[in-house]
Amino acid sequence: MADLKSRYSFLQEIRQCGLVIGLKFDDPLGAVSMCKALYENGIWAMIAGFDYSVLQCKPWLLLDRPVIDDILTRFEEALKICTP
C-alpha cells in the first residue's frame, strides 16, 4: 500500500488499527469513487462509516501470495480509474 501511495498523490494517508487498514483520499467522497472502481475490478470494499474519504480494507491473511498479488493489481487498476 505504501508503494501505491507513493505513486498516487490523491492517496493522502494510510491508517492502520489492528487488522483494519484505512486509505484516506484527498477528495471528501474519494472512498465512494474507489469502492465503485474496485467493484468494477472484482473487489468488494467498504467506506468508513464516519468519513467518506476513507476506504476500509481488511488484510488478506488467509490468502496465498499469487492471490494477494492479483488483488493488488486489481486495486491499482481501480486507482487508475479514480485518478483525477
N, C-alpha and C. Protein backbone atom coordinates (compact mmCIF):
# COMPACT_ATOMS: atom_id res chain seq x y z
N MET A 1 0.83 -1.20 0.00
CA MET A 1 0.00 0.00 0.00
C MET A 1 0.87 1.26 0.00
N ALA A 2 1.98 1.22 0.72
CA ALA A 2 2.87 2.39 0.76
C ALA A 2 3.42 2.69 -0.63
N ASP A 3 3.70 1.63 -1.41
CA ASP A 3 4.18 1.83 -2.78
C ASP A 3 3.10 2.51 -3.63
N LEU A 4 1.86 2.05 -3.49
CA LEU A 4 0.77 2.68 -4.25
C LEU A 4 0.59 4.14 -3.83
N LYS A 5 0.66 4.40 -2.53
CA LYS A 5 0.52 5.77 -2.04
C LYS A 5 1.59 6.68 -2.63
N SER A 6 2.80 6.17 -2.78
CA SER A 6 3.88 6.99 -3.33
C SER A 6 3.66 7.33 -4.81
N ARG A 7 2.86 6.52 -5.50
CA ARG A 7 2.62 6.75 -6.93
C ARG A 7 1.32 7.46 -7.25
N TYR A 8 0.43 7.57 -6.27
CA TYR A 8 -0.87 8.22 -6.48
C TYR A 8 -1.03 9.33 -5.45
N SER A 9 -0.83 10.56 -5.88
CA SER A 9 -0.79 11.70 -4.96
C SER A 9 -2.12 11.96 -4.26
N PHE A 10 -3.23 11.48 -4.83
CA PHE A 10 -4.52 11.71 -4.19
C PHE A 10 -4.77 10.77 -3.01
N LEU A 11 -3.88 9.80 -2.78
CA LEU A 11 -3.93 9.00 -1.56
C LEU A 11 -3.17 9.76 -0.49
N GLN A 12 -3.88 10.29 0.47
CA GLN A 12 -3.26 11.16 1.48
C GLN A 12 -2.60 10.41 2.61
N GLU A 13 -3.21 9.32 3.04
CA GLU A 13 -2.73 8.68 4.26
C GLU A 13 -3.12 7.21 4.28
N ILE A 14 -2.26 6.41 4.88
CA ILE A 14 -2.58 5.01 5.17
C ILE A 14 -2.69 4.90 6.68
N ARG A 15 -3.83 4.44 7.14
CA ARG A 15 -4.06 4.29 8.58
C ARG A 15 -4.18 2.81 8.88
N GLN A 16 -3.73 2.41 10.07
CA GLN A 16 -3.90 1.02 10.46
C GLN A 16 -4.20 0.93 11.94
N CYS A 17 -5.24 0.18 12.25
CA CYS A 17 -5.62 -0.08 13.63
C CYS A 17 -5.90 -1.58 13.72
N GLY A 18 -4.98 -2.33 14.26
CA GLY A 18 -5.14 -3.77 14.29
C GLY A 18 -5.11 -4.34 12.89
N LEU A 19 -6.13 -5.09 12.53
CA LEU A 19 -6.17 -5.72 11.21
C LEU A 19 -6.85 -4.88 10.14
N VAL A 20 -7.39 -3.73 10.51
CA VAL A 20 -8.10 -2.88 9.55
C VAL A 20 -7.16 -1.78 9.05
N ILE A 21 -7.14 -1.63 7.73
CA ILE A 21 -6.35 -0.57 7.11
C ILE A 21 -7.31 0.44 6.51
N GLY A 22 -7.04 1.70 6.70
CA GLY A 22 -7.83 2.78 6.10
C GLY A 22 -6.99 3.54 5.11
N LEU A 23 -7.54 3.80 3.94
CA LEU A 23 -6.87 4.61 2.93
C LEU A 23 -7.64 5.91 2.79
N LYS A 24 -7.01 7.02 3.11
CA LYS A 24 -7.66 8.33 3.05
C LYS A 24 -7.34 8.98 1.72
N PHE A 25 -8.38 9.42 1.03
CA PHE A 25 -8.26 10.11 -0.26
C PHE A 25 -8.37 11.61 -0.04
N ASP A 26 -7.80 12.39 -0.95
CA ASP A 26 -7.89 13.85 -0.80
C ASP A 26 -9.28 14.39 -1.13
N ASP A 27 -10.08 13.66 -1.88
CA ASP A 27 -11.46 14.05 -2.21
C ASP A 27 -12.38 13.62 -1.06
N PRO A 28 -13.26 14.50 -0.59
CA PRO A 28 -14.17 14.14 0.51
C PRO A 28 -15.04 12.91 0.22
N LEU A 29 -15.25 12.60 -1.07
CA LEU A 29 -16.02 11.41 -1.45
C LEU A 29 -15.14 10.39 -2.17
N GLY A 30 -13.84 10.47 -1.96
CA GLY A 30 -12.89 9.61 -2.67
C GLY A 30 -13.11 8.13 -2.46
N ALA A 31 -13.48 7.73 -1.26
CA ALA A 31 -13.70 6.31 -0.99
C ALA A 31 -14.93 5.80 -1.72
N VAL A 32 -15.91 6.66 -1.94
CA VAL A 32 -17.12 6.27 -2.67
C VAL A 32 -16.74 5.92 -4.11
N SER A 33 -15.95 6.79 -4.75
CA SER A 33 -15.50 6.54 -6.12
C SER A 33 -14.64 5.29 -6.19
N MET A 34 -13.77 5.12 -5.20
CA MET A 34 -12.88 3.97 -5.19
C MET A 34 -13.65 2.67 -4.99
N CYS A 35 -14.67 2.68 -4.14
CA CYS A 35 -15.50 1.48 -3.96
C CYS A 35 -16.11 1.04 -5.27
N LYS A 36 -16.62 1.99 -6.03
CA LYS A 36 -17.22 1.68 -7.34
C LYS A 36 -16.17 1.12 -8.28
N ALA A 37 -15.00 1.77 -8.34
CA ALA A 37 -13.93 1.31 -9.23
C ALA A 37 -13.43 -0.07 -8.81
N LEU A 38 -13.31 -0.31 -7.53
CA LEU A 38 -12.88 -1.63 -7.06
C LEU A 38 -13.91 -2.70 -7.43
N TYR A 39 -15.19 -2.39 -7.23
CA TYR A 39 -16.25 -3.34 -7.58
C TYR A 39 -16.18 -3.71 -9.06
N GLU A 40 -15.92 -2.71 -9.89
CA GLU A 40 -15.80 -2.96 -11.33
C GLU A 40 -14.58 -3.81 -11.65
N ASN A 41 -13.63 -3.90 -10.72
CA ASN A 41 -12.44 -4.73 -10.89
C ASN A 41 -12.48 -6.00 -10.04
N GLY A 42 -13.68 -6.34 -9.57
CA GLY A 42 -13.87 -7.61 -8.89
C GLY A 42 -13.49 -7.63 -7.42
N ILE A 43 -13.39 -6.46 -6.79
CA ILE A 43 -13.05 -6.40 -5.36
C ILE A 43 -14.15 -5.65 -4.63
N TRP A 44 -14.62 -6.23 -3.53
CA TRP A 44 -15.62 -5.58 -2.70
C TRP A 44 -14.91 -4.90 -1.54
N ALA A 45 -15.23 -3.63 -1.31
CA ALA A 45 -14.61 -2.86 -0.23
C ALA A 45 -15.68 -2.01 0.44
N MET A 46 -15.33 -1.46 1.60
CA MET A 46 -16.28 -0.67 2.39
C MET A 46 -15.75 0.74 2.62
N ILE A 47 -16.66 1.66 2.74
CA ILE A 47 -16.34 3.03 3.11
C ILE A 47 -16.40 3.10 4.63
N ALA A 48 -15.47 3.87 5.21
CA ALA A 48 -15.54 4.09 6.65
C ALA A 48 -16.82 4.87 6.94
N GLY A 49 -17.64 4.38 7.82
CA GLY A 49 -18.93 5.00 8.09
C GLY A 49 -18.84 6.42 8.59
N PHE A 50 -17.74 6.79 9.17
CA PHE A 50 -17.58 8.12 9.75
C PHE A 50 -16.94 9.11 8.80
N ASP A 51 -16.39 8.64 7.67
CA ASP A 51 -15.65 9.52 6.77
C ASP A 51 -15.65 8.95 5.36
N TYR A 52 -16.39 9.57 4.44
CA TYR A 52 -16.50 9.06 3.07
C TYR A 52 -15.23 9.25 2.24
N SER A 53 -14.20 9.85 2.83
CA SER A 53 -12.92 9.95 2.13
C SER A 53 -12.00 8.80 2.51
N VAL A 54 -12.45 7.90 3.38
CA VAL A 54 -11.62 6.79 3.86
C VAL A 54 -12.22 5.45 3.44
N LEU A 55 -11.39 4.65 2.78
CA LEU A 55 -11.77 3.31 2.36
C LEU A 55 -11.21 2.33 3.38
N GLN A 56 -12.03 1.39 3.83
CA GLN A 56 -11.57 0.37 4.77
C GLN A 56 -11.14 -0.87 4.01
N CYS A 57 -10.00 -1.40 4.40
CA CYS A 57 -9.50 -2.65 3.83
C CYS A 57 -9.16 -3.59 4.97
N LYS A 58 -9.41 -4.84 4.75
CA LYS A 58 -9.01 -5.84 5.74
C LYS A 58 -7.99 -6.74 5.05
N PRO A 59 -6.83 -6.90 5.65
CA PRO A 59 -5.77 -7.68 5.01
C PRO A 59 -6.23 -9.09 4.67
N TRP A 60 -5.58 -9.60 3.69
CA TRP A 60 -5.93 -10.92 3.18
C TRP A 60 -5.04 -11.95 3.85
N LEU A 61 -5.30 -12.22 5.14
CA LEU A 61 -4.42 -13.07 5.94
C LEU A 61 -4.46 -14.54 5.53
N LEU A 62 -5.57 -14.99 4.99
CA LEU A 62 -5.70 -16.40 4.68
C LEU A 62 -5.49 -16.71 3.20
N LEU A 63 -4.96 -15.76 2.46
CA LEU A 63 -4.76 -15.95 1.03
C LEU A 63 -3.28 -16.16 0.73
N ASP A 64 -3.02 -16.86 -0.36
CA ASP A 64 -1.62 -17.05 -0.73
C ASP A 64 -1.11 -15.87 -1.56
N ARG A 65 0.19 -15.81 -1.75
CA ARG A 65 0.82 -14.66 -2.40
C ARG A 65 0.30 -14.40 -3.81
N PRO A 66 0.10 -15.40 -4.67
CA PRO A 66 -0.43 -15.11 -6.02
C PRO A 66 -1.81 -14.42 -5.99
N VAL A 67 -2.67 -14.83 -5.06
CA VAL A 67 -3.99 -14.20 -4.96
C VAL A 67 -3.85 -12.76 -4.46
N ILE A 68 -3.00 -12.54 -3.49
CA ILE A 68 -2.76 -11.18 -2.98
C ILE A 68 -2.22 -10.29 -4.10
N ASP A 69 -1.26 -10.81 -4.87
CA ASP A 69 -0.71 -10.03 -5.98
C ASP A 69 -1.79 -9.67 -6.99
N ASP A 70 -2.69 -10.61 -7.28
CA ASP A 70 -3.80 -10.34 -8.19
C ASP A 70 -4.71 -9.25 -7.64
N ILE A 71 -5.02 -9.31 -6.35
CA ILE A 71 -5.86 -8.29 -5.72
C ILE A 71 -5.19 -6.92 -5.80
N LEU A 72 -3.89 -6.87 -5.51
CA LEU A 72 -3.18 -5.58 -5.57
C LEU A 72 -3.14 -5.03 -6.99
N THR A 73 -3.03 -5.91 -7.99
CA THR A 73 -3.08 -5.47 -9.39
C THR A 73 -4.44 -4.87 -9.70
N ARG A 74 -5.51 -5.54 -9.28
CA ARG A 74 -6.86 -5.02 -9.49
C ARG A 74 -7.07 -3.71 -8.73
N PHE A 75 -6.49 -3.64 -7.52
CA PHE A 75 -6.59 -2.42 -6.71
C PHE A 75 -5.96 -1.25 -7.45
N GLU A 76 -4.80 -1.48 -8.05
CA GLU A 76 -4.15 -0.40 -8.78
C GLU A 76 -4.94 -0.01 -10.02
N GLU A 77 -5.55 -0.97 -10.70
CA GLU A 77 -6.40 -0.65 -11.85
C GLU A 77 -7.55 0.27 -11.40
N ALA A 78 -8.12 -0.01 -10.23
CA ALA A 78 -9.18 0.84 -9.70
C ALA A 78 -8.65 2.23 -9.38
N LEU A 79 -7.44 2.31 -8.84
CA LEU A 79 -6.84 3.63 -8.57
C LEU A 79 -6.69 4.43 -9.85
N LYS A 80 -6.33 3.77 -10.93
CA LYS A 80 -6.17 4.47 -12.22
C LYS A 80 -7.50 5.04 -12.70
N ILE A 81 -8.60 4.33 -12.43
CA ILE A 81 -9.93 4.83 -12.80
C ILE A 81 -10.25 6.09 -11.99
N CYS A 82 -9.82 6.11 -10.73
CA CYS A 82 -10.14 7.22 -9.83
C CYS A 82 -9.19 8.40 -9.97
N THR A 83 -8.16 8.27 -10.78
CA THR A 83 -7.18 9.36 -10.91
C THR A 83 -7.87 10.62 -11.42
N PRO A 84 -7.72 11.73 -10.67
CA PRO A 84 -8.37 12.98 -11.09
C PRO A 84 -7.78 13.54 -12.38
